[in-house]
Amino acid sequence: MSEPDTRSRSAITKERSNQLLLAMQASDNDAERRRLRDELVELHLPLVEYLARRFKDRGEPLHDLVQVGTIGLIKSIDRFEPERGLEFSTYATPTILGEIKRYFRDSGWLIKVPRRAQELQTTLNSARSELSQQLGRAPTVAELAVRIEASEEEVLEALDAARAYSAAPLEVLTETGGGRSDHPLLATIDDGLDRVEQRAVLRPALDRLDPQEREVLMLRFVAGRTQTEIAELVGVSQMQVSRLVSRSLTKLRGELAAPVAAPPAEPTDRA
């Protein structure tokens, strides 16, 4: 038989959570407190899983994100003060999200980057170094693609990934909404800026970019468009898109005064 019709599952969870939190606060027995904490973690694990799924397209296994988010849940349980009258899930959500964001910040990959592009980093760096020595110049995208047995598009994506890795202040989430923009190409993605963790600093820096630089950067890292797609939308070559991304990120680093490594050298035009 189901639970009484007048009590929803969420209401039952909230009631049980309050009971456990009050019991944990009142207990002086370490073993009892650990038992209560374990039950609270199990009770609120669906919340952690729900929040972790917001980041599922950012290249990390969901299981790992849930584990990281659970650390935030445990911190919330230990710090929660029932007498303040705040619902526990409301209190815990920012802490859980904070732990997950910190995980990405510590990992370096703060901009949405395709997993394939991340995986090519080591191979591409080695190939670039070897070809530079052999040729006495920077290799072309086509030459790099042949060396690592990848498409030219994948090479360009990997070059973007290297720049994204060094652009630590540019963290964005990929959720979008109905934001407004005074630029038609940004109309459907400008709301992504509202999700930027450091938007108070980043938005003015973005506004100081040239319109085309800002457009390309937003299309690449907020809308998640490929360089080929951006080239078609903006009306420039794929190589010009690559250079625009590099130049825009360099300008933003200067604006934000972030102590990050210089971006990788730009390959020469395709052969």
C-alpha atoms as a PDB file:
ATOM      1  CA  MET A   1       0.000   0.000   0.000  1.00  0.00           C
ATOM      2  CA  SER A   2       1.255   3.497  -0.819  1.00  0.00           C
ATOM      3  CA  GLU A   3       1.966   6.235   1.694  1.00  0.00           C
ATOM      4  CA  PRO A   4      -1.068   8.213   2.882  1.00  0.00           C
ATOM      5  CA  ASP A   5      -2.422  10.356   0.079  1.00  0.00           C
ATOM      6  CA  THR A   6      -2.074  13.551   2.090  1.00  0.00           C
ATOM      7  CA  ARG A   7       1.692  13.159   2.498  1.00  0.00           C
ATOM      8  CA  SER A   8       3.985  13.409  -0.479  1.00  0.00           C
ATOM      9  CA  ARG A   9       7.328  11.693  -0.636  1.00  0.00           C
ATOM     10  CA  SER A  10       9.130  15.034  -0.385  1.00  0.00           C
ATOM     11  CA  ALA A  11       7.181  15.940   2.742  1.00  0.00           C
ATOM     12  CA  ILE A  12       8.092  12.613   4.334  1.00  0.00           C
ATOM     13  CA  THR A  13      11.754  13.124   3.413  1.00  0.00           C
ATOM     14  CA  LYS A  14      11.711  16.609   4.895  1.00  0.00           C
ATOM     15  CA  GLU A  15      10.110  15.380   8.101  1.00  0.00           C
ATOM     16  CA  ARG A  16      12.559  12.516   8.497  1.00  0.00           C
ATOM     17  CA  SER A  17      15.467  14.817   7.700  1.00  0.00           C
ATOM     18  CA  ASN A  18      14.408  17.237  10.412  1.00  0.00           C
ATOM     19  CA  GLN A  19      14.132  14.399  12.921  1.00  0.00           C
ATOM     20  CA  LEU A  20      17.616  13.139  12.109  1.00  0.00           C
ATOM     21  CA  LEU A  21      19.194  16.588  12.175  1.00  0.00           C
ATOM     22  CA  LEU A  22      17.673  17.394  15.557  1.00  0.00           C
ATOM     23  CA  ALA A  23      18.752  14.018  16.932  1.00  0.00           C
ATOM     24  CA  MET A  24      22.267  14.529  15.629  1.00  0.00           C
ATOM     25  CA  GLN A  25      22.502  17.968  17.194  1.00  0.00           C
ATOM     26  CA  ALA A  26      21.311  16.640  20.549  1.00  0.00           C
ATOM     27  CA  SER A  27      23.581  13.593  20.637  1.00  0.00           C
ATOM     28  CA  ASP A  28      26.965  13.570  22.389  1.00  0.00           C
ATOM     29  CA  ASN A  29      27.763  10.042  21.255  1.00  0.00           C
ATOM     30  CA  ASP A  30      30.177   9.983  18.312  1.00  0.00           C
ATOM     31  CA  ALA A  31      29.026   6.595  17.061  1.00  0.00           C
ATOM     32  CA  GLU A  32      25.395   7.683  17.168  1.00  0.00           C
ATOM     33  CA  ARG A  33      26.182  10.918  15.359  1.00  0.00           C
ATOM     34  CA  ARG A  34      27.979   8.981  12.614  1.00  0.00           C
ATOM     35  CA  ARG A  35      24.992   6.665  12.236  1.00  0.00           C
ATOM     36  CA  LEU A  36      22.618   9.609  11.973  1.00  0.00           C
ATOM     37  CA  ARG A  37      24.899  11.341   9.483  1.00  0.00           C
ATOM     38  CA  ASP A  38      25.060   8.220   7.310  1.00  0.00           C
ATOM     39  CA  GLU A  39      21.280   8.035   7.231  1.00  0.00           C
ATOM     40  CA  LEU A  40      21.067  11.714   6.330  1.00  0.00           C
ATOM     41  CA  VAL A  41      23.544  11.234   3.490  1.00  0.00           C
ATOM     42  CA  GLU A  42      21.512   8.333   2.123  1.00  0.00           C
ATOM     43  CA  LEU A  43      18.297  10.322   2.477  1.00  0.00           C
ATOM     44  CA  HIS A  44      19.633  13.314   0.538  1.00  0.00           C
ATOM     45  CA  LEU A  45      21.731  11.482  -2.042  1.00  0.00           C
ATOM     46  CA  PRO A  46      19.051  12.035  -4.734  1.00  0.00           C
ATOM     47  CA  LEU A  47      19.599  15.793  -4.290  1.00  0.00           C
ATOM     48  CA  VAL A  48      23.337  15.358  -4.886  1.00  0.00           C
ATOM     49  CA  GLU A  49      22.675  13.247  -7.984  1.00  0.00           C
ATOM     50  CA  TYR A  50      20.220  15.820  -9.315  1.00  0.00           C
ATOM     51  CA  LEU A  51      22.722  18.668  -8.883  1.00  0.00           C
ATOM     52  CA  ALA A  52      25.615  16.631 -10.300  1.00  0.00           C
ATOM     53  CA  ARG A  53      23.653  15.998 -13.508  1.00  0.00           C
ATOM     54  CA  ARG A  54      23.835  19.713 -14.275  1.00  0.00           C
ATOM     55  CA  PHE A  55      27.519  19.142 -15.013  1.00  0.00           C
ATOM     56  CA  LYS A  56      27.196  15.830 -16.882  1.00  0.00           C
ATOM     57  CA  ASP A  57      28.304  17.299 -20.239  1.00  0.00           C
ATOM     58  CA  ARG A  58      31.567  18.719 -18.939  1.00  0.00           C
ATOM     59  CA  GLY A  59      33.740  15.676 -19.450  1.00  0.00           C
ATOM     60  CA  GLU A  60      33.767  14.066 -16.000  1.00  0.00           C
ATOM     61  CA  PRO A  61      32.030  10.791 -14.997  1.00  0.00           C
ATOM     62  CA  LEU A  62      28.751  11.390 -13.190  1.00  0.00           C
ATOM     63  CA  HIS A  63      29.823   8.954 -10.456  1.00  0.00           C
ATOM     64  CA  ASP A  64      32.858  11.122  -9.670  1.00  0.00           C
ATOM     65  CA  LEU A  65      30.742  14.267  -9.533  1.00  0.00           C
ATOM     66  CA  VAL A  66      28.296  12.585  -7.147  1.00  0.00           C
ATOM     67  CA  GLN A  67      31.179  11.619  -4.871  1.00  0.00           C
ATOM     68  CA  VAL A  68      32.467  15.184  -4.866  1.00  0.00           C
ATOM     69  CA  GLY A  69      28.973  16.547  -4.271  1.00  0.00           C
ATOM     70  CA  THR A  70      28.541  14.155  -1.351  1.00  0.00           C
ATOM     71  CA  ILE A  71      31.462  15.873   0.367  1.00  0.00           C
ATOM     72  CA  GLY A  72      29.453  19.088   0.189  1.00  0.00           C
ATOM     73  CA  LEU A  73      26.422  17.258   1.567  1.00  0.00           C
ATOM     74  CA  ILE A  74      28.406  15.981   4.558  1.00  0.00           C
ATOM     75  CA  LYS A  75      29.763  19.468   5.238  1.00  0.00           C
ATOM     76  CA  SER A  76      26.212  20.813   5.153  1.00  0.00           C
ATOM     77  CA  ILE A  77      25.019  18.156   7.596  1.00  0.00           C
ATOM     78  CA  ASP A  78      27.815  18.972  10.036  1.00  0.00           C
ATOM     79  CA  ARG A  79      27.250  22.734   9.846  1.00  0.00           C
ATOM     80  CA  PHE A  80      23.457  22.881   9.717  1.00  0.00           C
ATOM     81  CA  GLU A  81      21.661  24.651  12.560  1.00  0.00           C
ATOM     82  CA  PRO A  82      18.001  23.521  12.707  1.00  0.00           C
ATOM     83  CA  GLU A  83      17.008  26.388  14.973  1.00  0.00           C
ATOM     84  CA  ARG A  84      17.521  28.857  12.132  1.00  0.00           C
ATOM     85  CA  GLY A  85      14.351  27.535  10.503  1.00  0.00           C
ATOM     86  CA  LEU A  86      15.874  27.030   7.047  1.00  0.00           C
ATOM     87  CA  GLU A  87      14.969  23.937   5.048  1.00  0.00           C
ATOM     88  CA  PHE A  88      17.994  21.646   4.882  1.00  0.00           C
ATOM     89  CA  SER A  89      17.910  21.085   1.114  1.00  0.00           C
ATOM     90  CA  THR A  90      17.894  24.856   0.572  1.00  0.00           C
ATOM     91  CA  TYR A  91      20.874  25.204   2.891  1.00  0.00           C
ATOM     92  CA  ALA A  92      22.813  22.292   1.380  1.00  0.00           C
ATOM     93  CA  THR A  93      22.383  23.072  -2.319  1.00  0.00           C
ATOM     94  CA  PRO A  94      24.948  25.933  -2.560  1.00  0.00           C
ATOM     95  CA  THR A  95      27.528  23.911  -0.630  1.00  0.00           C
ATOM     96  CA  ILE A  96      27.061  20.852  -2.843  1.00  0.00           C
ATOM     97  CA  LEU A  97      27.338  22.948  -5.996  1.00  0.00           C
ATOM     98  CA  GLY A  98      30.355  24.728  -4.543  1.00  0.00           C
ATOM     99  CA  GLU A  99      32.217  21.458  -4.039  1.00  0.00           C
ATOM    100  CA  ILE A 100      31.506  20.350  -7.603  1.00  0.00           C
ATOM    101  CA  LYS A 101      32.621  23.694  -9.034  1.00  0.00           C
ATOM    102  CA  ARG A 102      35.758  23.585  -6.908  1.00  0.00           C
ATOM    103  CA  TYR A 103      36.495  20.160  -8.332  1.00  0.00           C
ATOM    104  CA  PHE A 104      36.407  21.568 -11.855  1.00  0.00           C
ATOM    105  CA  ARG A 105      38.432  24.594 -10.785  1.00  0.00           C
ATOM    106  CA  ASP A 106      41.129  22.378  -9.269  1.00  0.00           C
ATOM    107  CA  SER A 107      41.088  20.172 -12.348  1.00  0.00           C
ATOM    108  CA  GLY A 108      41.622  23.168 -14.586  1.00  0.00           C
ATOM    109  CA  TRP A 109      38.898  22.363 -17.116  1.00  0.00           C
ATOM    110  CA  LEU A 110      36.505  25.224 -16.383  1.00  0.00           C
ATOM    111  CA  ILE A 111      35.207  25.841 -19.868  1.00  0.00           C
ATOM    112  CA  LYS A 112      33.036  23.339 -21.646  1.00  0.00           C
ATOM    113  CA  VAL A 113      35.529  21.307 -23.692  1.00  0.00           C
ATOM    114  CA  PRO A 114      34.753  18.137 -25.663  1.00  0.00           C
ATOM    115  CA  ARG A 115      36.288  15.014 -24.130  1.00  0.00           C
ATOM    116  CA  ARG A 116      37.963  14.081 -27.428  1.00  0.00           C
ATOM    117  CA  ALA A 117      39.735  17.454 -27.459  1.00  0.00           C
ATOM    118  CA  GLN A 118      40.969  16.885 -23.908  1.00  0.00           C
ATOM    119  CA  GLU A 119      42.235  13.418 -24.770  1.00  0.00           C
ATOM    120  CA  LEU A 120      44.261  14.746 -27.714  1.00  0.00           C
ATOM    121  CA  GLN A 121      46.187  17.264 -25.615  1.00  0.00           C
ATOM    122  CA  THR A 122      49.259  15.167 -24.774  1.00  0.00           C
ATOM    123  CA  THR A 123      49.498  13.673 -28.256  1.00  0.00           C
ATOM    124  CA  LEU A 124      49.088  17.056 -29.920  1.00  0.00           C
ATOM    125  CA  ASN A 125      51.708  18.734 -27.733  1.00  0.00           C
ATOM    126  CA  SER A 126      54.244  16.013 -28.528  1.00  0.00           C
ATOM    127  CA  ALA A 127      53.477  16.168 -32.241  1.00  0.00           C
ATOM    128  CA  ARG A 128      53.824  19.938 -32.305  1.00  0.00           C
ATOM    129  CA  SER A 129      57.200  19.788 -30.593  1.00  0.00           C
ATOM    130  CA  GLU A 130      58.512  17.032 -32.870  1.00  0.00           C
ATOM    131  CA  LEU A 131      57.298  18.664 -36.078  1.00  0.00           C
ATOM    132  CA  SER A 132      58.642  22.070 -35.066  1.00  0.00           C
ATOM    133  CA  GLN A 133      62.105  20.549 -34.662  1.00  0.00           C
ATOM    134  CA  GLN A 134      61.886  18.598 -37.910  1.00  0.00           C
ATOM    135  CA  LEU A 135      60.483  21.436 -40.017  1.00  0.00           C
ATOM    136  CA  GLY A 136      62.214  24.381 -38.377  1.00  0.00           C
ATOM    137  CA  ARG A 137      58.866  26.184 -38.116  1.00  0.00           C
ATOM    138  CA  ALA A 138      55.466  25.842 -36.510  1.00  0.00           C
ATOM    139  CA  PRO A 139      53.527  22.993 -38.150  1.00  0.00           C
ATOM    140  CA  THR A 140      50.297  23.615 -39.992  1.00  0.00           C
ATOM    141  CA  VAL A 141      46.981  22.254 -38.785  1.00  0.00           C
ATOM    142  CA  ALA A 142      47.003  19.816 -41.697  1.00  0.00           C
ATOM    143  CA  GLU A 143      50.476  18.547 -40.760  1.00  0.00           C
ATOM    144  CA  LEU A 144      49.451  18.092 -37.141  1.00  0.00           C
ATOM    145  CA  ALA A 145      46.327  16.221 -38.208  1.00  0.00           C
ATOM    146  CA  VAL A 146      48.357  13.783 -40.315  1.00  0.00           C
ATOM    147  CA  ARG A 147      50.897  13.227 -37.527  1.00  0.00           C
ATOM    148  CA  ILE A 148      48.338  12.388 -34.822  1.00  0.00           C
ATOM    149  CA  GLU A 149      45.924  10.657 -37.225  1.00  0.00           C
ATOM    150  CA  ALA A 150      43.043  12.988 -36.463  1.00  0.00           C
ATOM    151  CA  SER A 151      40.881  15.314 -38.516  1.00  0.00           C
ATOM    152  CA  GLU A 152      41.808  18.969 -38.893  1.00  0.00           C
ATOM    153  CA  GLU A 153      38.621  19.865 -37.031  1.00  0.00           C
ATOM    154  CA  GLU A 154      39.737  17.732 -34.080  1.00  0.00           C
ATOM    155  CA  VAL A 155      43.133  19.443 -34.076  1.00  0.00           C
ATOM    156  CA  LEU A 156      41.476  22.858 -33.978  1.00  0.00           C
ATOM    157  CA  GLU A 157      39.168  21.717 -31.171  1.00  0.00           C
ATOM    158  CA  ALA A 158      42.192  20.489 -29.210  1.00  0.00           C
ATOM    159  CA  LEU A 159      43.965  23.815 -29.699  1.00  0.00           C
ATOM    160  CA  ASP A 160      40.890  25.542 -28.296  1.00  0.00           C
ATOM    161  CA  ALA A 161      40.935  23.134 -25.367  1.00  0.00           C
ATOM    162  CA  ALA A 162      44.508  24.116 -24.532  1.00  0.00           C
ATOM    163  CA  ARG A 163      43.511  27.762 -24.445  1.00  0.00           C
ATOM    164  CA  ALA A 164      40.435  26.971 -22.369  1.00  0.00           C
ATOM    165  CA  TYR A 165      42.577  25.137 -19.824  1.00  0.00           C
ATOM    166  CA  SER A 166      44.724  28.222 -19.278  1.00  0.00           C
ATOM    167  CA  ALA A 167      41.730  30.581 -19.097  1.00  0.00           C
ATOM    168  CA  ALA A 168      40.794  29.660 -15.521  1.00  0.00           C
ATOM    169  CA  PRO A 169      38.617  32.730 -14.742  1.00  0.00           C
ATOM    170  CA  LEU A 170      36.281  31.952 -17.631  1.00  0.00           C
ATOM    171  CA  GLU A 171      34.148  29.276 -15.992  1.00  0.00           C
ATOM    172  CA  VAL A 172      30.716  28.918 -17.509  1.00  0.00           C
ATOM    173  CA  LEU A 173      27.869  26.477 -17.093  1.00  0.00           C
ATOM    174  CA  THR A 174      26.067  25.222 -20.152  1.00  0.00           C
ATOM    175  CA  GLU A 175      22.497  25.805 -19.031  1.00  0.00           C
ATOM    176  CA  THR A 176      20.761  28.416 -21.151  1.00  0.00           C
ATOM    177  CA  GLY A 177      17.539  30.329 -20.898  1.00  0.00           C
ATOM    178  CA  GLY A 178      15.652  33.124 -22.558  1.00  0.00           C
ATOM    179  CA  GLY A 179      18.222  35.834 -22.060  1.00  0.00           C
ATOM    180  CA  ARG A 180      18.192  39.009 -24.124  1.00  0.00           C
ATOM    181  CA  SER A 181      20.985  40.453 -26.207  1.00  0.00           C
ATOM    182  CA  ASP A 182      21.479  43.496 -28.396  1.00  0.00           C
ATOM    183  CA  HIS A 183      23.335  41.290 -30.890  1.00  0.00           C
ATOM    184  CA  PRO A 184      21.167  38.895 -32.934  1.00  0.00           C
ATOM    185  CA  LEU A 185      23.690  36.056 -32.973  1.00  0.00           C
ATOM    186  CA  LEU A 186      23.929  36.177 -29.181  1.00  0.00           C
ATOM    187  CA  ALA A 187      20.200  36.402 -28.559  1.00  0.00           C
ATOM    188  CA  THR A 188      19.736  32.751 -27.633  1.00  0.00           C
ATOM    189  CA  ILE A 189      22.950  32.259 -25.669  1.00  0.00           C
ATOM    190  CA  ASP A 190      23.534  35.530 -23.821  1.00  0.00           C
ATOM    191  CA  ASP A 191      21.703  34.179 -20.785  1.00  0.00           C
ATOM    192  CA  GLY A 192      24.653  31.840 -20.359  1.00  0.00           C
ATOM    193  CA  LEU A 193      26.540  34.805 -18.955  1.00  0.00           C
ATOM    194  CA  ASP A 194      24.146  34.834 -16.030  1.00  0.00           C
ATOM    195  CA  ARG A 195      25.571  31.439 -15.100  1.00  0.00           C
ATOM    196  CA  VAL A 196      29.184  32.604 -14.957  1.00  0.00           C
ATOM    197  CA  GLU A 197      30.493  32.144 -11.433  1.00  0.00           C
ATOM    198  CA  GLN A 198      32.577  35.317 -11.572  1.00  0.00           C
ATOM    199  CA  ARG A 199      30.174  37.279 -13.761  1.00  0.00           C
ATOM    200  CA  ALA A 200      30.628  40.524 -11.801  1.00  0.00           C
ATOM    201  CA  VAL A 201      34.203  40.657 -13.076  1.00  0.00           C
ATOM    202  CA  LEU A 202      33.867  38.757 -16.323  1.00  0.00           C
ATOM    203  CA  ARG A 203      30.926  40.587 -17.899  1.00  0.00           C
ATOM    204  CA  PRO A 204      32.682  44.004 -18.041  1.00  0.00           C
ATOM    205  CA  ALA A 205      35.751  42.304 -19.492  1.00  0.00           C
ATOM    206  CA  LEU A 206      33.631  40.631 -22.172  1.00  0.00           C
ATOM    207  CA  ASP A 207      31.939  43.931 -22.956  1.00  0.00           C
ATOM    208  CA  ARG A 208      35.342  45.480 -23.688  1.00  0.00           C
ATOM    209  CA  LEU A 209      36.077  42.960 -26.427  1.00  0.00           C
ATOM    210  CA  ASP A 210      35.458  43.837 -30.048  1.00  0.00           C
ATOM    211  CA  PRO A 211      31.959  42.720 -31.131  1.00  0.00           C
ATOM    212  CA  GLN A 212      33.327  39.974 -33.367  1.00  0.00           C
ATOM    213  CA  GLU A 213      35.692  38.705 -30.651  1.00  0.00           C
ATOM    214  CA  ARG A 214      32.885  38.545 -28.110  1.00  0.00           C
ATOM    215  CA  GLU A 215      30.572  36.866 -30.603  1.00  0.00           C
ATOM    216  CA  VAL A 216      33.115  34.165 -31.465  1.00  0.00           C
ATOM    217  CA  LEU A 217      33.991  33.547 -27.818  1.00  0.00           C
ATOM    218  CA  MET A 218      30.352  33.208 -26.820  1.00  0.00           C
ATOM    219  CA  LEU A 219      29.552  30.902 -29.707  1.00  0.00           C
ATOM    220  CA  ARG A 220      32.559  28.724 -28.906  1.00  0.00           C
ATOM    221  CA  PHE A 221      32.410  28.426 -25.126  1.00  0.00           C
ATOM    222  CA  VAL A 222      28.807  29.163 -24.184  1.00  0.00           C
ATOM    223  CA  ALA A 223      26.889  27.818 -27.172  1.00  0.00           C
ATOM    224  CA  GLY A 224      29.432  25.026 -27.670  1.00  0.00           C
ATOM    225  CA  ARG A 225      29.648  25.525 -31.453  1.00  0.00           C
ATOM    226  CA  THR A 226      32.536  24.004 -33.406  1.00  0.00           C
ATOM    227  CA  GLN A 227      34.995  26.197 -35.289  1.00  0.00           C
ATOM    228  CA  THR A 228      33.485  25.060 -38.576  1.00  0.00           C
ATOM    229  CA  GLU A 229      30.019  26.143 -37.451  1.00  0.00           C
ATOM    230  CA  ILE A 230      31.329  29.473 -36.150  1.00  0.00           C
ATOM    231  CA  ALA A 231      33.157  30.154 -39.413  1.00  0.00           C
ATOM    232  CA  GLU A 232      29.905  29.664 -41.330  1.00  0.00           C
ATOM    233  CA  LEU A 233      27.896  31.838 -38.926  1.00  0.00           C
ATOM    234  CA  VAL A 234      30.384  34.697 -38.784  1.00  0.00           C
ATOM    235  CA  GLY A 235      31.551  34.523 -42.383  1.00  0.00           C
ATOM    236  CA  VAL A 236      35.274  33.984 -41.866  1.00  0.00           C
ATOM    237  CA  SER A 237      37.685  31.095 -42.344  1.00  0.00           C
ATOM    238  CA  GLN A 238      38.183  28.364 -39.771  1.00  0.00           C
ATOM    239  CA  MET A 239      41.748  29.543 -39.165  1.00  0.00           C
ATOM    240  CA  GLN A 240      40.503  33.083 -38.542  1.00  0.00           C
ATOM    241  CA  VAL A 241      38.093  31.686 -35.951  1.00  0.00           C
ATOM    242  CA  SER A 242      40.998  29.940 -34.236  1.00  0.00           C
ATOM    243  CA  ARG A 243      42.968  33.189 -34.139  1.00  0.00           C
ATOM    244  CA  LEU A 244      39.969  35.162 -32.897  1.00  0.00           C
ATOM    245  CA  VAL A 245      39.502  32.711 -30.022  1.00  0.00           C
ATOM    246  CA  SER A 246      43.179  32.949 -29.112  1.00  0.00           C
ATOM    247  CA  ARG A 247      43.199  36.753 -29.263  1.00  0.00           C
ATOM    248  CA  SER A 248      39.974  37.066 -27.277  1.00  0.00           C
ATOM    249  CA  LEU A 249      41.184  34.808 -24.472  1.00  0.00           C
ATOM    250  CA  THR A 250      44.471  36.704 -24.312  1.00  0.00           C
ATOM    251  CA  LYS A 251      42.586  39.988 -23.932  1.00  0.00           C
ATOM    252  CA  LEU A 252      40.370  38.542 -21.207  1.00  0.00           C
ATOM    253  CA  ARG A 253      43.377  37.266 -19.288  1.00  0.00           C
ATOM    254  CA  GLY A 254      44.821  40.753 -19.403  1.00  0.00           C
ATOM    255  CA  GLU A 255      41.545  42.295 -18.217  1.00  0.00           C
ATOM    256  CA  LEU A 256      41.199  39.851 -15.345  1.00  0.00           C
ATOM    257  CA  ALA A 257      44.912  39.951 -14.447  1.00  0.00           C
ATOM    258  CA  ALA A 258      44.842  36.200 -13.970  1.00  0.00           C
ATOM    259  CA  PRO A 259      48.200  34.460 -13.325  1.00  0.00           C
ATOM    260  CA  VAL A 260      47.794  31.889 -16.056  1.00  0.00           C
ATOM    261  CA  ALA A 261      50.204  30.380 -18.544  1.00  0.00           C
ATOM    262  CA  ALA A 262      50.528  31.865 -22.011  1.00  0.00           C
ATOM    263  CA  PRO A 263      48.403  30.174 -24.681  1.00  0.00           C
ATOM    264  CA  PRO A 264      50.113  27.676 -26.991  1.00  0.00           C
ATOM    265  CA  ALA A 265      51.735  29.002 -30.146  1.00  0.00           C
ATOM    266  CA  GLU A 266      49.333  29.283 -33.041  1.00  0.00           C
ATOM    267  CA  PRO A 267      50.014  26.889 -35.923  1.00  0.00           C
ATOM    268  CA  THR A 268      50.645  28.417 -39.305  1.00  0.00           C
ATOM    269  CA  ASP A 269      48.008  28.484 -42.038  1.00  0.00           C
ATOM    270  CA  ARG A 270      47.063  25.164 -43.487  1.00  0.00           C
ATOM    271  CA  ALA A 271      49.242  23.801 -46.209  1.00  0.00           C
END
